[in-house]
């Protein structure tokens, strides 16, 4: 005699075995039925990543500018003294 398996287990096993492409198609169809526009969502995700890159570039540019100004200022302070490390109050040279 054959043992009958439940269809629920077969359904769960078949969902686990489908390919990524088919799974993405099924998700897209389901989202389409719900009224979710995955192109708009993908565009919004792209814009968010793009804005994150732009902010990172801006922050690094400002940090490098401050670093270069500080290095220049320290170099000028070093040029002003006759003997290295002889200045007791280096803060005066900044102002």
PDB file of N, CA and C in Angstrom:
ATOM      1  N   UNK A   1       0.832  -1.177   0.000  1.00  0.00           N
ATOM      2  CA  UNK A   1       0.000   0.000   0.000  1.00  0.00           C
ATOM      3  C   UNK A   1       0.885   1.251   0.000  1.00  0.00           C
ATOM      4  N   UNK A   2       0.463   2.202  -0.727  1.00  0.00           N
ATOM      5  CA  UNK A   2       1.195   3.462  -0.799  1.00  0.00           C
ATOM      6  C   UNK A   2       0.760   4.378   0.330  1.00  0.00           C
ATOM      7  N   UNK A   3       1.726   5.096   0.850  1.00  0.00           N
ATOM      8  CA  UNK A   3       1.420   6.047   1.921  1.00  0.00           C
ATOM      9  C   UNK A   3       1.188   7.404   1.266  1.00  0.00           C
ATOM     10  N   UNK A   4       0.072   7.973   1.570  1.00  0.00           N
ATOM     11  CA  UNK A   4      -0.277   9.268   0.983  1.00  0.00           C
ATOM     12  C   UNK A   4       0.384  10.391   1.780  1.00  0.00           C
ATOM     13  N   UNK A   5       1.095  11.258   1.063  1.00  0.00           N
ATOM     14  CA  UNK A   5       1.700  12.421   1.705  1.00  0.00           C
ATOM     15  C   UNK A   5       0.758  13.601   1.571  1.00  0.00           C
ATOM     16  N   UNK A   6       0.847  14.493   2.517  1.00  0.00           N
ATOM     17  CA  UNK A   6      -0.024  15.664   2.439  1.00  0.00           C
ATOM     18  C   UNK A   6       0.483  16.598   1.347  1.00  0.00           C
ATOM     19  N   UNK A   7      -0.426  17.300   0.733  1.00  0.00           N
ATOM     20  CA  UNK A   7      -0.053  18.243  -0.328  1.00  0.00           C
ATOM     21  C   UNK A   7       0.625  19.470   0.242  1.00  0.00           C
ATOM     22  N   UNK A   8       0.370  19.762   1.501  1.00  0.00           N
ATOM     23  CA  UNK A   8       0.977  20.926   2.126  1.00  0.00           C
ATOM     24  C   UNK A   8       2.506  20.769   2.199  1.00  0.00           C
ATOM     25  N   UNK A   9       3.007  19.592   2.521  1.00  0.00           N
ATOM     26  CA  UNK A   9       4.442  19.340   2.557  1.00  0.00           C
ATOM     27  C   UNK A   9       5.047  19.427   1.161  1.00  0.00           C
ATOM     28  N   UNK A  10       4.322  18.906   0.165  1.00  0.00           N
ATOM     29  CA  UNK A  10       4.819  18.984  -1.209  1.00  0.00           C
ATOM     30  C   UNK A  10       4.904  20.435  -1.666  1.00  0.00           C
ATOM     31  N   UNK A  11       3.919  21.215  -1.282  1.00  0.00           N
ATOM     32  CA  UNK A  11       3.916  22.623  -1.675  1.00  0.00           C
ATOM     33  C   UNK A  11       5.092  23.361  -1.036  1.00  0.00           C
ATOM     34  N   UNK A  12       5.345  23.087   0.247  1.00  0.00           N
ATOM     35  CA  UNK A  12       6.457  23.743   0.937  1.00  0.00           C
ATOM     36  C   UNK A  12       7.789  23.319   0.331  1.00  0.00           C
ATOM     37  N   UNK A  13       7.902  22.047  -0.023  1.00  0.00           N
ATOM     38  CA  UNK A  13       9.143  21.562  -0.619  1.00  0.00           C
ATOM     39  C   UNK A  13       9.341  22.162  -2.006  1.00  0.00           C
ATOM     40  N   UNK A  14       8.269  22.332  -2.757  1.00  0.00           N
ATOM     41  CA  UNK A  14       8.417  22.873  -4.110  1.00  0.00           C
ATOM     42  C   UNK A  14       8.787  24.359  -4.069  1.00  0.00           C
ATOM     43  N   UNK A  15       8.283  25.100  -3.091  1.00  0.00           N
ATOM     44  CA  UNK A  15       8.653  26.511  -2.967  1.00  0.00           C
ATOM     45  C   UNK A  15      10.136  26.627  -2.619  1.00  0.00           C
ATOM     46  N   UNK A  16      10.635  25.734  -1.807  1.00  0.00           N
ATOM     47  CA  UNK A  16      12.044  25.766  -1.448  1.00  0.00           C
ATOM     48  C   UNK A  16      12.959  25.393  -2.594  1.00  0.00           C
ATOM     49  N   UNK A  17      12.444  24.688  -3.578  1.00  0.00           N
ATOM     50  CA  UNK A  17      13.283  24.206  -4.668  1.00  0.00           C
ATOM     51  C   UNK A  17      13.217  25.056  -5.931  1.00  0.00           C
ATOM     52  N   UNK A  18      12.406  26.098  -5.955  1.00  0.00           N
ATOM     53  CA  UNK A  18      12.333  26.907  -7.168  1.00  0.00           C
ATOM     54  C   UNK A  18      13.570  27.794  -7.273  1.00  0.00           C
ATOM     55  N   UNK A  19      13.871  28.203  -8.483  1.00  0.00           N
ATOM     56  CA  UNK A  19      15.083  28.989  -8.704  1.00  0.00           C
ATOM     57  C   UNK A  19      14.887  30.428  -8.227  1.00  0.00           C
ATOM     58  N   UNK A  20      15.993  31.118  -8.099  1.00  0.00           N
ATOM     59  CA  UNK A  20      15.931  32.516  -7.666  1.00  0.00           C
ATOM     60  C   UNK A  20      15.178  33.366  -8.680  1.00  0.00           C
ATOM     61  N   UNK A  21      15.406  33.079  -9.964  1.00  0.00           N
ATOM     62  CA  UNK A  21      14.752  33.866 -11.001  1.00  0.00           C
ATOM     63  C   UNK A  21      13.247  33.700 -10.921  1.00  0.00           C
ATOM     64  N   UNK A  22      12.794  32.471 -10.790  1.00  0.00           N
ATOM     65  CA  UNK A  22      11.351  32.216 -10.711  1.00  0.00           C
ATOM     66  C   UNK A  22      10.776  32.816  -9.440  1.00  0.00           C
ATOM     67  N   UNK A  23      11.532  32.726  -8.345  1.00  0.00           N
ATOM     68  CA  UNK A  23      11.067  33.308  -7.092  1.00  0.00           C
ATOM     69  C   UNK A  23      10.929  34.827  -7.233  1.00  0.00           C
ATOM     70  N   UNK A  24      11.892  35.463  -7.900  1.00  0.00           N
ATOM     71  CA  UNK A  24      11.806  36.907  -8.128  1.00  0.00           C
ATOM     72  C   UNK A  24      10.618  37.251  -9.008  1.00  0.00           C
ATOM     73  N   UNK A  25      10.340  36.405 -10.006  1.00  0.00           N
ATOM     74  CA  UNK A  25       9.170  36.643 -10.860  1.00  0.00           C
ATOM     75  C   UNK A  25       7.884  36.534 -10.057  1.00  0.00           C
ATOM     76  N   UNK A  26       7.809  35.532  -9.194  1.00  0.00           N
ATOM     77  CA  UNK A  26       6.606  35.369  -8.374  1.00  0.00           C
ATOM     78  C   UNK A  26       6.424  36.544  -7.425  1.00  0.00           C
ATOM     79  N   UNK A  27       7.513  37.022  -6.837  1.00  0.00           N
ATOM     80  CA  UNK A  27       7.432  38.176  -5.929  1.00  0.00           C
ATOM     81  C   UNK A  27       6.975  39.411  -6.699  1.00  0.00           C
ATOM     82  N   UNK A  28       7.523  39.593  -7.913  1.00  0.00           N
ATOM     83  CA  UNK A  28       7.137  40.743  -8.723  1.00  0.00           C
ATOM     84  C   UNK A  28       5.656  40.676  -9.101  1.00  0.00           C
ATOM     85  N   UNK A  29       5.175  39.471  -9.438  1.00  0.00           N
ATOM     86  CA  UNK A  29       3.747  39.329  -9.762  1.00  0.00           C
ATOM     87  C   UNK A  29       2.882  39.639  -8.540  1.00  0.00           C
ATOM     88  N   UNK A  30       3.303  39.130  -7.384  1.00  0.00           N
ATOM     89  CA  UNK A  30       2.542  39.369  -6.164  1.00  0.00           C
ATOM     90  C   UNK A  30       2.528  40.848  -5.816  1.00  0.00           C
ATOM     91  N   UNK A  31       3.680  41.512  -5.939  1.00  0.00           N
ATOM     92  CA  UNK A  31       3.735  42.941  -5.658  1.00  0.00           C
ATOM     93  C   UNK A  31       2.911  43.723  -6.670  1.00  0.00           C
ATOM     94  N   UNK A  32       2.899  43.265  -7.912  1.00  0.00           N
ATOM     95  CA  UNK A  32       2.075  43.913  -8.926  1.00  0.00           C
ATOM     96  C   UNK A  32       0.595  43.823  -8.595  1.00  0.00           C
ATOM     97  N   UNK A  33       0.189  42.681  -8.060  1.00  0.00           N
ATOM     98  CA  UNK A  33      -1.208  42.528  -7.655  1.00  0.00           C
ATOM     99  C   UNK A  33      -1.551  43.426  -6.476  1.00  0.00           C
ATOM    100  N   UNK A  34      -0.568  43.671  -5.624  1.00  0.00           N
ATOM    101  CA  UNK A  34      -0.798  44.543  -4.474  1.00  0.00           C
ATOM    102  C   UNK A  34      -0.690  46.020  -4.853  1.00  0.00           C
ATOM    103  N   UNK A  35      -0.215  46.310  -6.056  1.00  0.00           N
ATOM    104  CA  UNK A  35      -0.079  47.692  -6.490  1.00  0.00           C
ATOM    105  C   UNK A  35       1.268  48.296  -6.161  1.00  0.00           C
ATOM    106  N   UNK A  36       2.247  47.453  -5.861  1.00  0.00           N
ATOM    107  CA  UNK A  36       3.589  47.944  -5.559  1.00  0.00           C
ATOM    108  C   UNK A  36       4.371  48.020  -6.864  1.00  0.00           C
ATOM    109  N   UNK A  37       4.912  49.182  -7.149  1.00  0.00           N
ATOM    110  CA  UNK A  37       5.691  49.369  -8.370  1.00  0.00           C
ATOM    111  C   UNK A  37       7.150  49.093  -8.054  1.00  0.00           C
ATOM    112  N   UNK A  38       7.655  47.925  -8.477  1.00  0.00           N
ATOM    113  CA  UNK A  38       9.025  47.579  -8.122  1.00  0.00           C
ATOM    114  C   UNK A  38      10.042  48.394  -8.903  1.00  0.00           C
ATOM    115  N   UNK A  39       9.658  48.961 -10.033  1.00  0.00           N
ATOM    116  CA  UNK A  39      10.592  49.849 -10.742  1.00  0.00           C
ATOM    117  C   UNK A  39      10.792  51.143  -9.956  1.00  0.00           C
ATOM    118  N   UNK A  40       9.711  51.677  -9.430  1.00  0.00           N
ATOM    119  CA  UNK A  40       9.825  52.899  -8.619  1.00  0.00           C
ATOM    120  C   UNK A  40      10.612  52.610  -7.340  1.00  0.00           C
ATOM    121  N   UNK A  41      10.380  51.435  -6.772  1.00  0.00           N
ATOM    122  CA  UNK A  41      11.112  51.062  -5.561  1.00  0.00           C
ATOM    123  C   UNK A  41      12.600  50.893  -5.865  1.00  0.00           C
ATOM    124  N   UNK A  42      12.925  50.285  -6.997  1.00  0.00           N
ATOM    125  CA  UNK A  42      14.322  50.122  -7.388  1.00  0.00           C
ATOM    126  C   UNK A  42      14.963  51.480  -7.674  1.00  0.00           C
ATOM    127  N   UNK A  43      14.214  52.384  -8.295  1.00  0.00           N
ATOM    128  CA  UNK A  43      14.733  53.729  -8.565  1.00  0.00           C
ATOM    129  C   UNK A  43      14.983  54.474  -7.254  1.00  0.00           C
ATOM    130  N   UNK A  44      14.078  54.336  -6.295  1.00  0.00           N
ATOM    131  CA  UNK A  44      14.256  54.988  -4.999  1.00  0.00           C
ATOM    132  C   UNK A  44      15.482  54.422  -4.275  1.00  0.00           C
ATOM    133  N   UNK A  45      15.688  53.110  -4.364  1.00  0.00           N
ATOM    134  CA  UNK A  45      16.863  52.503  -3.736  1.00  0.00           C
ATOM    135  C   UNK A  45      18.146  52.997  -4.408  1.00  0.00           C
ATOM    136  N   UNK A  46      18.111  53.126  -5.734  1.00  0.00           N
ATOM    137  CA  UNK A  46      19.275  53.648  -6.466  1.00  0.00           C
ATOM    138  C   UNK A  46      19.572  55.084  -6.051  1.00  0.00           C
ATOM    139  N   UNK A  47      18.526  55.912  -5.949  1.00  0.00           N
ATOM    140  CA  UNK A  47      18.717  57.309  -5.539  1.00  0.00           C
ATOM    141  C   UNK A  47      19.269  57.396  -4.120  1.00  0.00           C
ATOM    142  N   UNK A  48      18.810  56.511  -3.230  1.00  0.00           N
ATOM    143  CA  UNK A  48      19.312  56.512  -1.855  1.00  0.00           C
ATOM    144  C   UNK A  48      20.797  56.152  -1.823  1.00  0.00           C
ATOM    145  N   UNK A  49      21.194  55.128  -2.596  1.00  0.00           N
ATOM    146  CA  UNK A  49      22.617  54.760  -2.653  1.00  0.00           C
ATOM    147  C   UNK A  49      23.440  55.881  -3.268  1.00  0.00           C
ATOM    148  N   UNK A  50      22.903  56.513  -4.305  1.00  0.00           N
ATOM    149  CA  UNK A  50      23.614  57.607  -4.982  1.00  0.00           C
ATOM    150  C   UNK A  50      23.823  58.783  -4.025  1.00  0.00           C
ATOM    151  N   UNK A  51      22.782  59.129  -3.269  1.00  0.00           N
ATOM    152  CA  UNK A  51      22.882  60.229  -2.319  1.00  0.00           C
ATOM    153  C   UNK A  51      23.884  59.890  -1.214  1.00  0.00           C
ATOM    154  N   UNK A  52      23.927  58.622  -0.797  1.00  0.00           N
ATOM    155  CA  UNK A  52      24.894  58.204   0.218  1.00  0.00           C
ATOM    156  C   UNK A  52      26.317  58.377  -0.298  1.00  0.00           C
ATOM    157  N   UNK A  53      26.558  58.043  -1.548  1.00  0.00           N
ATOM    158  CA  UNK A  53      27.888  58.213  -2.139  1.00  0.00           C
ATOM    159  C   UNK A  53      28.240  59.693  -2.224  1.00  0.00           C
ATOM    160  N   UNK A  54      27.289  60.524  -2.622  1.00  0.00           N
ATOM    161  CA  UNK A  54      27.536  61.964  -2.731  1.00  0.00           C
ATOM    162  C   UNK A  54      27.880  62.550  -1.368  1.00  0.00           C
ATOM    163  N   UNK A  55      27.123  62.173  -0.339  1.00  0.00           N
ATOM    164  CA  UNK A  55      27.411  62.670   1.012  1.00  0.00           C
ATOM    165  C   UNK A  55      28.789  62.220   1.484  1.00  0.00           C
ATOM    166  N   UNK A  56      29.157  60.981   1.177  1.00  0.00           N
ATOM    167  CA  UNK A  56      30.466  60.483   1.576  1.00  0.00           C
ATOM    168  C   UNK A  56      31.579  61.277   0.902  1.00  0.00           C
ATOM    169  N   UNK A  57      31.419  61.564  -0.378  1.00  0.00           N
ATOM    170  CA  UNK A  57      32.420  62.345  -1.104  1.00  0.00           C
ATOM    171  C   UNK A  57      32.530  63.748  -0.521  1.00  0.00           C
ATOM    172  N   UNK A  58      31.403  64.365  -0.199  1.00  0.00           N
ATOM    173  CA  UNK A  58      31.419  65.715   0.379  1.00  0.00           C
ATOM    174  C   UNK A  58      32.148  65.723   1.722  1.00  0.00           C
ATOM    175  N   UNK A  59      31.832  64.765   2.575  1.00  0.00           N
ATOM    176  CA  UNK A  59      32.453  64.708   3.905  1.00  0.00           C
ATOM    177  C   UNK A  59      33.957  64.484   3.787  1.00  0.00           C
ATOM    178  N   UNK A  60      34.381  63.561   2.924  1.00  0.00           N
ATOM    179  CA  UNK A  60      35.808  63.299   2.757  1.00  0.00           C
ATOM    180  C   UNK A  60      36.532  64.497   2.161  1.00  0.00           C
ATOM    181  N   UNK A  61      35.879  65.209   1.257  1.00  0.00           N
ATOM    182  CA  UNK A  61      36.497  66.404   0.676  1.00  0.00           C
ATOM    183  C   UNK A  61      36.732  67.461   1.740  1.00  0.00           C
ATOM    184  N   UNK A  62      35.735  67.696   2.584  1.00  0.00           N
ATOM    185  CA  UNK A  62      35.880  68.680   3.659  1.00  0.00           C
ATOM    186  C   UNK A  62      36.971  68.240   4.638  1.00  0.00           C
ATOM    187  N   UNK A  63      37.003  66.945   4.966  1.00  0.00           N
ATOM    188  CA  UNK A  63      38.018  66.448   5.895  1.00  0.00           C
ATOM    189  C   UNK A  63      39.419  66.624   5.312  1.00  0.00           C
ATOM    190  N   UNK A  64      39.593  66.336   4.030  1.00  0.00           N
ATOM    191  CA  UNK A  64      40.902  66.515   3.403  1.00  0.00           C
ATOM    192  C   UNK A  64      41.300  67.983   3.326  1.00  0.00           C
ATOM    193  N   UNK A  65      40.323  68.866   3.129  1.00  0.00           N
ATOM    194  CA  UNK A  65      40.627  70.292   3.118  1.00  0.00           C
ATOM    195  C   UNK A  65      41.119  70.751   4.486  1.00  0.00           C
ATOM    196  N   UNK A  66      40.427  70.351   5.546  1.00  0.00           N
ATOM    197  CA  UNK A  66      40.866  70.711   6.890  1.00  0.00           C
ATOM    198  C   UNK A  66      42.250  70.143   7.187  1.00  0.00           C
ATOM    199  N   UNK A  67      42.489  68.911   6.777  1.00  0.00           N
ATOM    200  CA  UNK A  67      43.782  68.286   7.005  1.00  0.00           C
ATOM    201  C   UNK A  67      44.891  69.027   6.271  1.00  0.00           C
ATOM    202  N   UNK A  68      44.638  69.415   5.032  1.00  0.00           N
ATOM    203  CA  UNK A  68      45.671  70.131   4.272  1.00  0.00           C
ATOM    204  C   UNK A  68      45.928  71.519   4.856  1.00  0.00           C
ATOM    205  N   UNK A  69      44.893  72.201   5.334  1.00  0.00           N
ATOM    206  CA  UNK A  69      45.083  73.501   5.973  1.00  0.00           C
ATOM    207  C   UNK A  69      45.898  73.340   7.253  1.00  0.00           C
ATOM    208  N   UNK A  70      45.594  72.313   8.033  1.00  0.00           N
ATOM    209  CA  UNK A  70      46.343  72.082   9.272  1.00  0.00           C
ATOM    210  C   UNK A  70      47.802  71.764   8.977  1.00  0.00           C
ATOM    211  N   UNK A  71      48.060  70.947   7.964  1.00  0.00           N
ATOM    212  CA  UNK A  71      49.444  70.622   7.606  1.00  0.00           C
ATOM    213  C   UNK A  71      50.192  71.870   7.135  1.00  0.00           C
ATOM    214  N   UNK A  72      49.527  72.682   6.331  1.00  0.00           N
ATOM    215  CA  UNK A  72      50.152  73.921   5.851  1.00  0.00           C
ATOM    216  C   UNK A  72      50.479  74.849   7.016  1.00  0.00           C
ATOM    217  N   UNK A  73      49.523  74.969   7.945  1.00  0.00           N
ATOM    218  CA  UNK A  73      49.729  75.842   9.096  1.00  0.00           C
ATOM    219  C   UNK A  73      50.877  75.338   9.957  1.00  0.00           C
ATOM    220  N   UNK A  74      50.948  74.025  10.175  1.00  0.00           N
ATOM    221  CA  UNK A  74      52.050  73.471  10.958  1.00  0.00           C
ATOM    222  C   UNK A  74      53.381  73.662  10.247  1.00  0.00           C
ATOM    223  N   UNK A  75      53.388  73.530   8.935  1.00  0.00           N
ATOM    224  CA  UNK A  75      54.618  73.735   8.189  1.00  0.00           C
ATOM    225  C   UNK A  75      55.082  75.182   8.301  1.00  0.00           C
ATOM    226  N   UNK A  76      54.142  76.132   8.204  1.00  0.00           N
ATOM    227  CA  UNK A  76      54.496  77.547   8.348  1.00  0.00           C
ATOM    228  C   UNK A  76      55.004  77.856   9.746  1.00  0.00           C
ATOM    229  N   UNK A  77      54.389  77.236  10.755  1.00  0.00           N
ATOM    230  CA  UNK A  77      54.867  77.431  12.119  1.00  0.00           C
ATOM    231  C   UNK A  77      56.287  76.908  12.263  1.00  0.00           C
ATOM    232  N   UNK A  78      56.583  75.798  11.604  1.00  0.00           N
ATOM    233  CA  UNK A  78      57.931  75.243  11.658  1.00  0.00           C
ATOM    234  C   UNK A  78      58.940  76.121  10.956  1.00  0.00           C
ATOM    235  N   UNK A  79      58.508  76.847   9.930  1.00  0.00           N
ATOM    236  CA  UNK A  79      59.412  77.734   9.207  1.00  0.00           C
ATOM    237  C   UNK A  79      59.733  79.005   9.996  1.00  0.00           C
ATOM    238  N   UNK A  80      58.828  79.386  10.908  1.00  0.00           N
ATOM    239  CA  UNK A  80      58.999  80.634  11.656  1.00  0.00           C
ATOM    240  C   UNK A  80      60.024  80.536  12.774  1.00  0.00           C
ATOM    241  N   UNK A  81      60.328  79.351  13.259  1.00  0.00           N
ATOM    242  CA  UNK A  81      61.237  79.224  14.402  1.00  0.00           C
ATOM    243  C   UNK A  81      62.670  79.034  13.918  1.00  0.00           C
ATOM    244  N   UNK A  82      63.616  79.546  14.713  1.00  0.00           N
ATOM    245  CA  UNK A  82      65.031  79.382  14.378  1.00  0.00           C
ATOM    246  C   UNK A  82      65.510  77.978  14.718  1.00  0.00           C
ATOM    247  N   UNK A  83      65.067  77.490  15.868  1.00  0.00           N
ATOM    248  CA  UNK A  83      65.426  76.140  16.287  1.00  0.00           C
ATOM    249  C   UNK A  83      64.139  75.324  16.403  1.00  0.00           C
ATOM    250  N   UNK A  84      64.122  74.130  15.888  1.00  0.00           N
ATOM    251  CA  UNK A  84      62.910  73.301  15.993  1.00  0.00           C
ATOM    252  C   UNK A  84      62.536  73.035  17.448  1.00  0.00           C
ATOM    253  N   UNK A  85      61.281  73.012  17.726  1.00  0.00           N
ATOM    254  CA  UNK A  85      60.714  72.717  19.044  1.00  0.00           C
ATOM    255  C   UNK A  85      61.127  73.724  20.102  1.00  0.00           C
ATOM    256  N   UNK A  86      61.482  74.944  19.691  1.00  0.00           N
ATOM    257  CA  UNK A  86      61.876  75.949  20.674  1.00  0.00           C
ATOM    258  C   UNK A  86      60.695  76.819  21.099  1.00  0.00           C
ATOM    259  N   UNK A  87      59.596  76.800  20.372  1.00  0.00           N
ATOM    260  CA  UNK A  87      58.443  77.628  20.721  1.00  0.00           C
ATOM    261  C   UNK A  87      57.746  77.031  21.936  1.00  0.00           C
ATOM    262  N   UNK A  88      57.572  77.865  22.971  1.00  0.00           N
ATOM    263  CA  UNK A  88      56.920  77.400  24.190  1.00  0.00           C
ATOM    264  C   UNK A  88      55.405  77.393  24.004  1.00  0.00           C
ATOM    265  N   UNK A  89      54.860  78.404  23.320  1.00  0.00           N
ATOM    266  CA  UNK A  89      53.413  78.519  23.147  1.00  0.00           C
ATOM    267  C   UNK A  89      53.087  78.485  21.645  1.00  0.00           C
ATOM    268  N   UNK A  90      52.851  77.296  21.077  1.00  0.00           N
ATOM    269  CA  UNK A  90      52.584  77.215  19.640  1.00  0.00           C
ATOM    270  C   UNK A  90      51.204  77.732  19.265  1.00  0.00           C
ATOM    271  N   UNK A  91      50.325  77.932  20.240  1.00  0.00           N
ATOM    272  CA  UNK A  91      48.967  78.409  19.932  1.00  0.00           C
ATOM    273  C   UNK A  91      49.002  79.849  19.440  1.00  0.00           C
ATOM    274  N   UNK A  92      49.987  80.646  19.883  1.00  0.00           N
ATOM    275  CA  UNK A  92      50.088  82.029  19.439  1.00  0.00           C
ATOM    276  C   UNK A  92      50.267  82.139  17.930  1.00  0.00           C
ATOM    277  N   UNK A  93      50.962  81.198  17.337  1.00  0.00           N
ATOM    278  CA  UNK A  93      51.224  81.231  15.905  1.00  0.00           C
ATOM    279  C   UNK A  93      49.943  80.984  15.102  1.00  0.00           C
ATOM    280  N   UNK A  94      48.978  80.349  15.715  1.00  0.00           N
ATOM    281  CA  UNK A  94      47.720  80.055  14.987  1.00  0.00           C
ATOM    282  C   UNK A  94      46.899  81.319  14.838  1.00  0.00           C
ATOM    283  N   UNK A  95      47.038  82.243  15.780  1.00  0.00           N
ATOM    284  CA  UNK A  95      46.206  83.450  15.737  1.00  0.00           C
ATOM    285  C   UNK A  95      47.108  84.622  15.565  1.00  0.00           C
TER     286      UNK A  95
END
